[in-house]
């Protein structure tokens, strides 16, 4: 076995050993691609509270405003209440969809910003007026920037340890071959005929 073959086998063994060590490092941890992050903004919401009631509302896509109404003292849902809302261009009575959950359909989704709302709540003998803004954020979707931030694309493979190990193996093999060729050229020719000069 000549020197070049031994050098290449040594380099191959070194690379395989480094690759196996990298694969077993930090046992039990996931070294795959990073998990995708839910980058969607929160749905617009409104929160209001008083000594009697607590109200939380979420504006769903399509203009459906869901309201959750609880008793402030016990945090129990308030069923059978009359809830009226005024703000963002509406003046409407909410319909109860389940105990303590009410719904209002907005004719159109409000623009980004804060929209003051006033809620009139009457449950039995208890009546209260709650005021709070509906906060609507700007929906920003920048898909290319999210893809770069997530580390997708062709360059992501070279950030992985296996990519660097492969690159190191190629460079190491090329250096070993060049050194071996250089050494072969500098070696003096051996006279096999046995003749003297």
Protein backbone atom coordinates (compact mmCIF):
# COMPACT_ATOMS: atom_id res chain seq x y z
CA UNK A 1 0.00 0.00 0.00
CA UNK A 2 1.57 3.27 -1.07
CA UNK A 3 1.70 6.48 0.93
CA UNK A 4 -1.17 8.17 -0.93
CA UNK A 5 -3.53 5.28 -0.20
CA UNK A 6 -2.53 5.26 3.47
CA UNK A 7 -3.08 9.02 3.73
CA UNK A 8 -6.48 8.80 2.10
CA UNK A 9 -7.55 5.94 4.38
CA UNK A 10 -6.31 7.86 7.41
CA UNK A 11 -8.26 10.96 6.33
CA UNK A 12 -11.39 8.88 5.68
CA UNK A 13 -11.12 7.31 9.13
CA UNK A 14 -10.61 10.70 10.72
CA UNK A 15 -13.67 12.15 8.97
CA UNK A 16 -15.87 9.15 9.84
CA UNK A 17 -14.74 9.31 13.45
CA UNK A 18 -15.48 13.03 13.69
CA UNK A 19 -18.85 12.57 12.02
CA UNK A 20 -19.81 9.74 14.40
CA UNK A 21 -18.72 11.81 17.41
CA UNK A 22 -20.78 14.77 16.20
CA UNK A 23 -23.81 12.53 15.71
CA UNK A 24 -23.55 11.15 19.25
CA UNK A 25 -22.75 14.46 20.96
CA UNK A 26 -25.32 15.68 23.46
CA UNK A 27 -27.37 12.48 23.38
CA UNK A 28 -31.11 12.89 23.17
CA UNK A 29 -31.05 16.42 21.77
CA UNK A 30 -32.60 17.22 18.44
CA UNK A 31 -30.00 18.65 16.09
CA UNK A 32 -32.41 18.97 13.17
CA UNK A 33 -33.65 22.17 11.63
CA UNK A 34 -35.08 24.73 14.06
CA UNK A 35 -38.78 24.53 14.79
CA UNK A 36 -40.95 26.95 12.89
CA UNK A 37 -42.17 29.82 14.98
CA UNK A 38 -45.76 30.94 14.76
CA UNK A 39 -45.14 34.50 13.66
CA UNK A 40 -48.78 35.45 13.26
CA UNK A 41 -49.88 38.47 15.27
CA UNK A 42 -52.41 38.09 18.06
CA UNK A 43 -56.02 38.66 17.19
CA UNK A 44 -57.36 42.11 18.10
CA UNK A 45 -58.76 42.20 21.62
CA UNK A 46 -60.53 44.32 24.19
CA UNK A 47 -60.47 43.87 27.98
CA UNK A 48 -62.53 45.70 30.58
CA UNK A 49 -63.32 45.12 34.25
CA UNK A 50 -65.23 46.68 37.12
CA UNK A 51 -66.25 45.66 40.63
CA UNK A 52 -69.05 43.50 39.17
CA UNK A 53 -67.89 42.18 35.79
CA UNK A 54 -64.85 41.24 33.77
CA UNK A 55 -65.13 41.28 29.98
CA UNK A 56 -62.66 40.01 27.38
CA UNK A 57 -63.37 40.31 23.67
CA UNK A 58 -61.52 38.92 20.66
CA UNK A 59 -62.15 40.11 17.11
CA UNK A 60 -61.93 37.12 14.79
CA UNK A 61 -61.31 37.37 11.05
CA UNK A 62 -64.53 38.21 9.25
CA UNK A 63 -65.72 40.72 11.85
CA UNK A 64 -66.99 38.37 14.58
CA UNK A 65 -66.40 39.90 18.03
CA UNK A 66 -66.57 37.21 20.73
CA UNK A 67 -67.07 38.43 24.30
CA UNK A 68 -66.43 36.44 27.47
CA UNK A 69 -68.25 37.85 30.50
CA UNK A 70 -67.38 36.73 34.05
CA UNK A 71 -68.41 37.82 37.55
CA UNK A 72 -65.47 39.74 39.03
CA UNK A 73 -65.83 38.29 42.51
CA UNK A 74 -66.02 34.59 41.55
CA UNK A 75 -64.67 34.46 37.97
CA UNK A 76 -67.73 32.43 36.99
CA UNK A 77 -69.31 32.95 33.55
CA UNK A 78 -72.31 35.29 33.59
CA UNK A 79 -75.08 33.58 31.64
CA UNK A 80 -78.30 35.23 30.48
CA UNK A 81 -76.97 38.79 30.61
CA UNK A 82 -77.84 41.61 28.26
CA UNK A 83 -74.67 42.97 26.66
CA UNK A 84 -74.77 46.01 24.39
CA UNK A 85 -71.71 47.40 22.62
CA UNK A 86 -71.06 50.80 21.12
CA UNK A 87 -67.90 51.71 19.23
CA UNK A 88 -66.05 51.28 15.92
CA UNK A 89 -69.15 52.42 14.06
CA UNK A 90 -71.60 49.97 15.66
CA UNK A 91 -74.33 50.07 18.28
CA UNK A 92 -75.49 46.49 18.76
CA UNK A 93 -76.78 43.95 21.25
CA UNK A 94 -74.70 40.80 21.67
CA UNK A 95 -76.24 37.37 21.21
CA UNK A 96 -75.36 34.68 23.75
CA UNK A 97 -73.73 31.69 22.01
CA UNK A 98 -72.96 29.69 25.18
CA UNK A 99 -73.10 30.42 28.92
CA UNK A 100 -70.97 33.53 29.49
CA UNK A 101 -69.95 33.86 25.81
CA UNK A 102 -71.55 36.52 23.61
CA UNK A 103 -71.18 37.41 19.94
CA UNK A 104 -71.47 40.60 17.90
CA UNK A 105 -71.08 40.71 14.12
CA UNK A 106 -69.29 43.83 12.91
CA UNK A 107 -70.26 45.02 9.41
CA UNK A 108 -66.56 45.52 8.55
CA UNK A 109 -63.28 44.92 10.30
CA UNK A 110 -61.91 48.08 11.95
CA UNK A 111 -58.66 49.59 10.69
CA UNK A 112 -55.43 49.27 12.63
CA UNK A 113 -55.31 51.32 15.82
CA UNK A 114 -57.31 51.73 19.02
CA UNK A 115 -61.09 51.95 18.80
CA UNK A 116 -62.93 52.99 21.99
CA UNK A 117 -65.79 50.69 22.97
CA UNK A 118 -68.46 51.06 25.65
CA UNK A 119 -70.22 47.93 26.92
CA UNK A 120 -73.48 48.07 28.88
CA UNK A 121 -73.95 44.88 30.90
CA UNK A 122 -77.11 43.93 32.79
CA UNK A 123 -77.33 40.60 34.59
CA UNK A 124 -80.30 40.27 36.94
CA UNK A 125 -80.21 43.24 39.33
CA UNK A 126 -76.58 44.07 38.50
CA UNK A 127 -75.87 46.68 35.85
CA UNK A 128 -72.56 48.22 34.83
CA UNK A 129 -70.95 50.33 32.14
CA UNK A 130 -67.53 49.12 30.93
CA UNK A 131 -65.24 51.11 28.66
CA UNK A 132 -62.10 49.90 26.92
CA UNK A 133 -60.34 50.22 23.56
CA UNK A 134 -60.34 47.49 20.94
CA UNK A 135 -56.68 47.26 19.92
CA UNK A 136 -56.18 46.26 16.29
CA UNK A 137 -52.53 45.72 15.29
CA UNK A 138 -51.01 45.91 11.84
CA UNK A 139 -50.68 42.52 10.13
CA UNK A 140 -47.17 42.33 8.76
CA UNK A 141 -46.27 39.27 6.71
CA UNK A 142 -42.75 39.23 5.35
CA UNK A 143 -42.33 35.66 4.13
CA UNK A 144 -38.82 35.99 2.60
CA UNK A 145 -37.41 37.56 5.77
CA UNK A 146 -39.06 34.85 7.88
CA UNK A 147 -37.49 32.16 5.69
CA UNK A 148 -34.02 33.70 6.10
CA UNK A 149 -34.51 34.05 9.85
CA UNK A 150 -35.63 30.42 10.10
CA UNK A 151 -32.41 29.29 8.39
CA UNK A 152 -33.94 27.71 5.31
CA UNK A 153 -32.30 27.65 1.95
CA UNK A 154 -29.17 26.20 0.39
CA UNK A 155 -26.72 27.86 2.80
CA UNK A 156 -28.36 26.23 5.85
CA UNK A 157 -26.66 22.90 5.09
CA UNK A 158 -23.21 24.45 5.46
CA UNK A 159 -24.05 25.75 8.93
CA UNK A 160 -24.59 22.16 10.10
CA UNK A 161 -21.66 20.20 11.61
CA UNK A 162 -21.90 17.51 8.92
CA UNK A 163 -21.47 20.14 6.20
CA UNK A 164 -18.30 21.45 7.82
CA UNK A 165 -16.97 17.91 8.33
CA UNK A 166 -17.51 17.12 4.65
CA UNK A 167 -15.75 20.33 3.62
CA UNK A 168 -12.87 19.53 5.98
CA UNK A 169 -12.56 16.02 4.54
CA UNK A 170 -12.37 17.31 0.98
CA UNK A 171 -9.78 19.94 1.87
CA UNK A 172 -7.76 17.46 3.94
CA UNK A 173 -7.76 14.85 1.18
CA UNK A 174 -6.67 17.45 -1.37
CA UNK A 175 -3.79 18.60 0.86
CA UNK A 176 -2.66 15.02 1.49
CA UNK A 177 -2.70 14.24 -2.23
CA UNK A 178 -0.74 17.40 -3.03
CA UNK A 179 1.87 16.66 -0.36
CA UNK A 180 2.24 13.09 -1.54
CA UNK A 181 2.68 14.16 -5.18
CA UNK A 182 5.24 16.77 -4.16
CA UNK A 183 7.16 14.21 -2.15
CA UNK A 184 7.16 11.75 -5.03
CA UNK A 185 8.71 14.36 -7.35
CA UNK A 186 11.54 15.20 -4.94
CA UNK A 187 12.52 11.58 -4.38
CA UNK A 188 15.69 10.72 -6.32
CA UNK A 189 15.44 8.10 -9.03
CA UNK A 190 16.82 4.73 -7.99
CA UNK A 191 19.02 3.00 -10.47
CA UNK A 192 17.63 -0.50 -10.80
CA UNK A 193 20.09 -1.65 -13.47
CA UNK A 194 22.98 -1.57 -11.04
CA UNK A 195 25.30 0.27 -13.38
CA UNK A 196 27.79 2.71 -11.98
CA UNK A 197 28.34 6.17 -13.29
